[in-house]
Amino acid sequence: MPAGDGLTPGQHSFAVNLAKGLSKTKAYAAAYPEANTHTCNRTAARLERDPRIVRYVAHLRAMESIQ
């Protein structure tokens, strides 16, 4: 999957942060710094299950393990 394929810039950043090992809440807060804590918790849980994000995180982790 090419970088950002079908993802918004924020979703892309969230996925990259997840792949780096940040918790879903911290990954969301880093991608969307204007979001409050409640939004980070709720929306991060939803985004973490998004099939596009799941695939991209798996892709990033696979690429990291190859290098």
C-alpha atoms as a PDB file:
ATOM      1  CA  MET A   1       0.000   0.000   0.000  1.00  0.00           C
ATOM      2  CA  PRO A   2       1.516   3.333  -0.986  1.00  0.00           C
ATOM      3  CA  ALA A   3       1.973   5.861   1.792  1.00  0.00           C
ATOM      4  CA  GLY A   4      -1.260   7.667   2.476  1.00  0.00           C
ATOM      5  CA  ASP A   5      -3.317   5.610   0.026  1.00  0.00           C
ATOM      6  CA  GLY A   6      -6.889   6.507   0.949  1.00  0.00           C
ATOM      7  CA  LEU A   7      -5.908   8.067   4.271  1.00  0.00           C
ATOM      8  CA  THR A   8      -6.146  11.682   5.327  1.00  0.00           C
ATOM      9  CA  PRO A   9      -2.909  13.293   6.534  1.00  0.00           C
ATOM     10  CA  GLY A  10      -4.104  12.905  10.142  1.00  0.00           C
ATOM     11  CA  GLN A  11      -4.993   9.243   9.648  1.00  0.00           C
ATOM     12  CA  HIS A  12      -1.615   8.658   8.022  1.00  0.00           C
ATOM     13  CA  SER A  13       0.151  10.271  10.982  1.00  0.00           C
ATOM     14  CA  PHE A  14      -1.973   8.224  13.413  1.00  0.00           C
ATOM     15  CA  ALA A  15      -1.001   5.000  11.604  1.00  0.00           C
ATOM     16  CA  VAL A  16       2.690   5.900  11.561  1.00  0.00           C
ATOM     17  CA  ASN A  17       2.580   6.661  15.280  1.00  0.00           C
ATOM     18  CA  LEU A  18       0.841   3.345  15.991  1.00  0.00           C
ATOM     19  CA  ALA A  19       3.456   1.507  13.945  1.00  0.00           C
ATOM     20  CA  LYS A  20       6.163   3.212  16.014  1.00  0.00           C
ATOM     21  CA  GLY A  21       4.626   1.724  19.151  1.00  0.00           C
ATOM     22  CA  LEU A  22       2.670   4.634  20.603  1.00  0.00           C
ATOM     23  CA  SER A  23      -0.589   3.802  22.344  1.00  0.00           C
ATOM     24  CA  LYS A  24      -3.676   4.528  20.284  1.00  0.00           C
ATOM     25  CA  THR A  25      -4.530   7.545  22.460  1.00  0.00           C
ATOM     26  CA  LYS A  26      -1.025   9.011  22.251  1.00  0.00           C
ATOM     27  CA  ALA A  27      -0.859   8.292  18.516  1.00  0.00           C
ATOM     28  CA  TYR A  28      -4.143  10.157  18.013  1.00  0.00           C
ATOM     29  CA  ALA A  29      -3.058  13.084  20.207  1.00  0.00           C
ATOM     30  CA  ALA A  30       0.172  13.417  18.208  1.00  0.00           C
ATOM     31  CA  ALA A  31      -1.710  13.307  14.895  1.00  0.00           C
ATOM     32  CA  TYR A  32      -4.476  15.657  16.058  1.00  0.00           C
ATOM     33  CA  PRO A  33      -2.949  17.983  18.691  1.00  0.00           C
ATOM     34  CA  GLU A  34      -6.094  20.132  18.843  1.00  0.00           C
ATOM     35  CA  ALA A  35      -8.233  17.190  20.062  1.00  0.00           C
ATOM     36  CA  ASN A  36      -9.278  16.979  23.688  1.00  0.00           C
ATOM     37  CA  THR A  37      -8.736  13.878  25.841  1.00  0.00           C
ATOM     38  CA  HIS A  38     -12.272  12.547  25.397  1.00  0.00           C
ATOM     39  CA  THR A  39     -12.024  12.833  21.615  1.00  0.00           C
ATOM     40  CA  CYS A  40      -8.597  11.174  21.614  1.00  0.00           C
ATOM     41  CA  ASN A  41      -9.872   8.192  23.573  1.00  0.00           C
ATOM     42  CA  ARG A  42     -13.091   7.722  21.615  1.00  0.00           C
ATOM     43  CA  THR A  43     -11.861   8.404  18.104  1.00  0.00           C
ATOM     44  CA  ALA A  44      -8.541   6.578  18.510  1.00  0.00           C
ATOM     45  CA  ALA A  45     -10.434   3.395  19.374  1.00  0.00           C
ATOM     46  CA  ARG A  46     -12.549   3.759  16.227  1.00  0.00           C
ATOM     47  CA  LEU A  47      -9.623   4.600  13.950  1.00  0.00           C
ATOM     48  CA  GLU A  48      -7.545   1.730  15.281  1.00  0.00           C
ATOM     49  CA  ARG A  49     -10.183  -0.667  13.895  1.00  0.00           C
ATOM     50  CA  ASP A  50     -10.450   1.039  10.482  1.00  0.00           C
ATOM     51  CA  PRO A  51      -9.400  -1.600   7.907  1.00  0.00           C
ATOM     52  CA  ARG A  52      -7.329   0.919   5.942  1.00  0.00           C
ATOM     53  CA  ILE A  53      -5.369   1.858   9.062  1.00  0.00           C
ATOM     54  CA  VAL A  54      -4.988  -1.778  10.135  1.00  0.00           C
ATOM     55  CA  ARG A  55      -3.526  -2.626   6.717  1.00  0.00           C
ATOM     56  CA  TYR A  56      -1.214   0.389   6.653  1.00  0.00           C
ATOM     57  CA  VAL A  57       0.107  -0.230  10.179  1.00  0.00           C
ATOM     58  CA  ALA A  58       0.775  -3.874   9.250  1.00  0.00           C
ATOM     59  CA  HIS A  59       2.551  -2.680   6.089  1.00  0.00           C
ATOM     60  CA  LEU A  60       4.719  -0.215   8.053  1.00  0.00           C
ATOM     61  CA  ARG A  61       5.622  -2.836  10.650  1.00  0.00           C
ATOM     62  CA  ALA A  62       6.486  -5.363   7.937  1.00  0.00           C
ATOM     63  CA  MET A  63       8.706  -2.825   6.185  1.00  0.00           C
ATOM     64  CA  GLU A  64      10.434  -2.060   9.493  1.00  0.00           C
ATOM     65  CA  SER A  65      11.099  -5.744  10.160  1.00  0.00           C
ATOM     66  CA  ILE A  66      12.697  -6.136   6.712  1.00  0.00           C
ATOM     67  CA  GLN A  67      15.191  -3.315   7.283  1.00  0.00           C
END
